Amino acid sequence: MAKTVIGISIENRIESAIEFQKIITKFGCEIRTRIGLHSSEKDSCSNNGAILLEVAGDGNELIDELKKHWEVQIMKF
């Protein structure tokens, strides 16, 4: 089975959270791993971040949906 890793750059993390969550919930059965990265300090955290998704198969529908909103990078193996 093919695996795909999708990297999403999110510039307005707080404002994008609800829309992003709706999309990944819709494709939840395809998503195997989700990792969110953002800078944080003791008293604050960045509103910009990156999310990595490992999906089973090619993930083309998910990729198309994500590209409507954010910059997306794809690695297939």
N, C-alpha and C. Protein backbone atom coordinates (compact mmCIF):
# COMPACT_ATOMS: atom_id res chain seq x y z
N MET A 1 0.84 -1.18 0.00
CA MET A 1 0.00 0.00 0.00
C MET A 1 0.89 1.24 0.00
N ALA A 2 0.57 2.19 -0.84
CA ALA A 2 1.32 3.45 -0.92
C ALA A 2 1.08 4.29 0.32
N LYS A 3 2.10 5.07 0.67
CA LYS A 3 1.96 6.03 1.76
C LYS A 3 2.24 7.41 1.21
N THR A 4 1.58 8.39 1.77
CA THR A 4 1.78 9.78 1.38
C THR A 4 1.94 10.60 2.65
N VAL A 5 2.92 11.50 2.64
CA VAL A 5 3.08 12.46 3.73
C VAL A 5 2.77 13.83 3.15
N ILE A 6 1.87 14.54 3.81
CA ILE A 6 1.43 15.86 3.37
C ILE A 6 1.91 16.87 4.40
N GLY A 7 2.57 17.92 3.94
CA GLY A 7 2.98 19.02 4.80
C GLY A 7 2.14 20.24 4.49
N ILE A 8 1.54 20.82 5.51
CA ILE A 8 0.68 21.98 5.32
C ILE A 8 1.26 23.15 6.11
N SER A 9 1.47 24.28 5.44
CA SER A 9 1.93 25.49 6.10
C SER A 9 0.71 26.35 6.42
N ILE A 10 0.53 26.64 7.70
CA ILE A 10 -0.64 27.42 8.13
C ILE A 10 -0.15 28.71 8.77
N GLU A 11 -0.54 29.84 8.16
CA GLU A 11 -0.08 31.15 8.64
C GLU A 11 -0.97 31.74 9.72
N ASN A 12 -2.22 31.41 9.75
CA ASN A 12 -3.15 31.90 10.78
C ASN A 12 -3.72 30.70 11.53
N ARG A 13 -2.86 30.09 12.32
CA ARG A 13 -3.18 28.84 12.99
C ARG A 13 -4.48 28.93 13.81
N ILE A 14 -4.63 29.96 14.58
CA ILE A 14 -5.80 30.09 15.44
C ILE A 14 -7.07 30.25 14.61
N GLU A 15 -7.01 31.12 13.59
CA GLU A 15 -8.18 31.37 12.74
C GLU A 15 -8.50 30.17 11.84
N SER A 16 -7.50 29.37 11.50
CA SER A 16 -7.69 28.25 10.57
C SER A 16 -8.09 26.94 11.25
N ALA A 17 -8.02 26.89 12.55
CA ALA A 17 -8.20 25.63 13.28
C ALA A 17 -9.54 24.95 13.00
N ILE A 18 -10.62 25.69 12.98
CA ILE A 18 -11.94 25.08 12.80
C ILE A 18 -12.07 24.49 11.41
N GLU A 19 -11.69 25.24 10.38
CA GLU A 19 -11.78 24.73 9.00
C GLU A 19 -10.86 23.53 8.80
N PHE A 20 -9.65 23.62 9.33
CA PHE A 20 -8.70 22.50 9.21
C PHE A 20 -9.26 21.24 9.87
N GLN A 21 -9.81 21.40 11.07
CA GLN A 21 -10.36 20.25 11.79
C GLN A 21 -11.53 19.62 11.04
N LYS A 22 -12.38 20.43 10.42
CA LYS A 22 -13.49 19.90 9.62
C LYS A 22 -12.97 19.02 8.49
N ILE A 23 -11.92 19.50 7.82
CA ILE A 23 -11.37 18.76 6.68
C ILE A 23 -10.75 17.45 7.14
N ILE A 24 -9.92 17.49 8.17
CA ILE A 24 -9.28 16.23 8.56
C ILE A 24 -10.25 15.26 9.22
N THR A 25 -11.32 15.76 9.80
CA THR A 25 -12.35 14.86 10.31
C THR A 25 -13.05 14.14 9.16
N LYS A 26 -13.33 14.87 8.09
CA LYS A 26 -13.97 14.28 6.90
C LYS A 26 -13.12 13.14 6.32
N PHE A 27 -11.80 13.30 6.38
CA PHE A 27 -10.88 12.31 5.82
C PHE A 27 -10.18 11.49 6.90
N GLY A 28 -10.78 11.42 8.07
CA GLY A 28 -10.16 10.78 9.22
C GLY A 28 -9.75 9.34 9.03
N CYS A 29 -10.49 8.58 8.26
CA CYS A 29 -10.15 7.17 8.06
C CYS A 29 -8.89 7.00 7.20
N GLU A 30 -8.53 8.01 6.42
CA GLU A 30 -7.33 7.95 5.58
C GLU A 30 -6.08 8.41 6.32
N ILE A 31 -6.25 9.21 7.37
CA ILE A 31 -5.12 9.81 8.08
C ILE A 31 -4.63 8.84 9.15
N ARG A 32 -3.35 8.48 9.04
CA ARG A 32 -2.76 7.55 10.00
C ARG A 32 -2.01 8.28 11.11
N THR A 33 -1.34 9.39 10.76
CA THR A 33 -0.55 10.15 11.74
C THR A 33 -0.74 11.64 11.48
N ARG A 34 -0.83 12.40 12.56
CA ARG A 34 -0.94 13.86 12.47
C ARG A 34 0.03 14.47 13.46
N ILE A 35 0.89 15.37 12.97
CA ILE A 35 1.86 16.06 13.83
C ILE A 35 1.74 17.55 13.57
N GLY A 36 1.52 18.33 14.61
CA GLY A 36 1.45 19.77 14.49
C GLY A 36 2.67 20.42 15.11
N LEU A 37 3.26 21.39 14.41
CA LEU A 37 4.47 22.05 14.86
C LEU A 37 4.27 23.56 14.84
N HIS A 38 4.63 24.23 15.93
CA HIS A 38 4.64 25.69 15.98
C HIS A 38 5.59 26.12 17.08
N SER A 39 6.12 27.32 16.95
CA SER A 39 7.02 27.86 17.97
C SER A 39 6.21 28.24 19.20
N SER A 40 6.77 27.96 20.35
CA SER A 40 6.09 28.37 21.58
C SER A 40 7.11 28.76 22.64
N GLU A 41 6.71 29.66 23.46
CA GLU A 41 7.48 30.12 24.61
C GLU A 41 6.62 29.89 25.84
N LYS A 42 7.16 30.16 26.97
CA LYS A 42 6.44 29.95 28.22
C LYS A 42 5.12 30.72 28.26
N ASP A 43 5.12 31.96 27.76
CA ASP A 43 3.94 32.82 27.86
C ASP A 43 3.20 33.05 26.56
N SER A 44 3.68 32.49 25.44
CA SER A 44 3.00 32.72 24.16
C SER A 44 3.37 31.63 23.16
N CYS A 45 2.56 31.54 22.10
CA CYS A 45 2.89 30.62 21.03
C CYS A 45 2.59 31.29 19.69
N SER A 46 3.30 30.84 18.67
CA SER A 46 3.19 31.43 17.35
C SER A 46 1.83 31.13 16.71
N ASN A 47 1.35 32.05 15.91
CA ASN A 47 0.11 31.83 15.17
C ASN A 47 0.40 31.17 13.82
N ASN A 48 1.67 30.91 13.52
CA ASN A 48 2.06 30.22 12.30
C ASN A 48 2.55 28.82 12.67
N GLY A 49 2.34 27.88 11.78
CA GLY A 49 2.78 26.53 12.07
C GLY A 49 2.77 25.64 10.86
N ALA A 50 3.13 24.41 11.09
CA ALA A 50 3.13 23.40 10.04
C ALA A 50 2.48 22.14 10.60
N ILE A 51 1.79 21.44 9.73
CA ILE A 51 1.16 20.18 10.12
C ILE A 51 1.60 19.12 9.13
N LEU A 52 1.98 17.98 9.65
CA LEU A 52 2.34 16.83 8.83
C LEU A 52 1.27 15.77 8.98
N LEU A 53 0.79 15.26 7.87
CA LEU A 53 -0.19 14.18 7.87
C LEU A 53 0.38 13.00 7.10
N GLU A 54 0.35 11.83 7.69
CA GLU A 54 0.68 10.59 6.96
C GLU A 54 -0.66 9.96 6.61
N VAL A 55 -0.86 9.69 5.33
CA VAL A 55 -2.13 9.10 4.90
C VAL A 55 -1.88 7.77 4.21
N ALA A 56 -2.85 6.89 4.31
CA ALA A 56 -2.82 5.63 3.59
C ALA A 56 -3.26 5.89 2.16
N GLY A 57 -2.59 5.30 1.20
CA GLY A 57 -2.96 5.50 -0.20
C GLY A 57 -2.44 6.82 -0.73
N ASP A 58 -3.07 7.32 -1.79
CA ASP A 58 -2.56 8.52 -2.44
C ASP A 58 -3.07 9.82 -1.83
N GLY A 59 -4.21 9.80 -1.14
CA GLY A 59 -4.73 10.99 -0.47
C GLY A 59 -5.11 12.13 -1.39
N ASN A 60 -5.37 11.83 -2.66
CA ASN A 60 -5.61 12.90 -3.64
C ASN A 60 -6.79 13.80 -3.30
N GLU A 61 -7.88 13.24 -2.83
CA GLU A 61 -9.05 14.07 -2.48
C GLU A 61 -8.74 14.99 -1.31
N LEU A 62 -8.05 14.45 -0.31
CA LEU A 62 -7.65 15.24 0.84
C LEU A 62 -6.70 16.36 0.40
N ILE A 63 -5.72 16.04 -0.42
CA ILE A 63 -4.77 17.03 -0.91
C ILE A 63 -5.49 18.14 -1.66
N ASP A 64 -6.41 17.78 -2.54
CA ASP A 64 -7.17 18.79 -3.29
C ASP A 64 -7.93 19.72 -2.36
N GLU A 65 -8.54 19.17 -1.32
CA GLU A 65 -9.30 19.98 -0.37
C GLU A 65 -8.38 20.91 0.42
N LEU A 66 -7.24 20.41 0.87
CA LEU A 66 -6.30 21.23 1.62
C LEU A 66 -5.72 22.36 0.76
N LYS A 67 -5.46 22.08 -0.51
CA LYS A 67 -4.88 23.09 -1.41
C LYS A 67 -5.82 24.28 -1.64
N LYS A 68 -7.10 24.10 -1.40
CA LYS A 68 -8.04 25.21 -1.54
C LYS A 68 -7.79 26.29 -0.49
N HIS A 69 -7.13 25.92 0.62
CA HIS A 69 -6.98 26.83 1.75
C HIS A 69 -5.52 27.16 2.11
N TRP A 70 -4.61 26.21 1.89
CA TRP A 70 -3.25 26.37 2.39
C TRP A 70 -2.21 25.88 1.39
N GLU A 71 -0.95 26.27 1.65
CA GLU A 71 0.17 25.77 0.86
C GLU A 71 0.45 24.32 1.31
N VAL A 72 0.57 23.44 0.33
CA VAL A 72 0.71 22.01 0.62
C VAL A 72 1.91 21.45 -0.13
N GLN A 73 2.69 20.61 0.56
CA GLN A 73 3.79 19.86 -0.04
C GLN A 73 3.50 18.38 0.14
N ILE A 74 3.86 17.58 -0.85
CA ILE A 74 3.51 16.16 -0.83
C ILE A 74 4.75 15.30 -1.08
N MET A 75 4.88 14.21 -0.31
CA MET A 75 5.90 13.21 -0.54
C MET A 75 5.21 11.86 -0.58
N LYS A 76 5.38 11.14 -1.67
CA LYS A 76 4.76 9.82 -1.80
C LYS A 76 5.85 8.77 -1.80
N PHE A 77 5.59 7.65 -1.10
CA PHE A 77 6.54 6.54 -1.12
C PHE A 77 5.82 5.23 -0.90
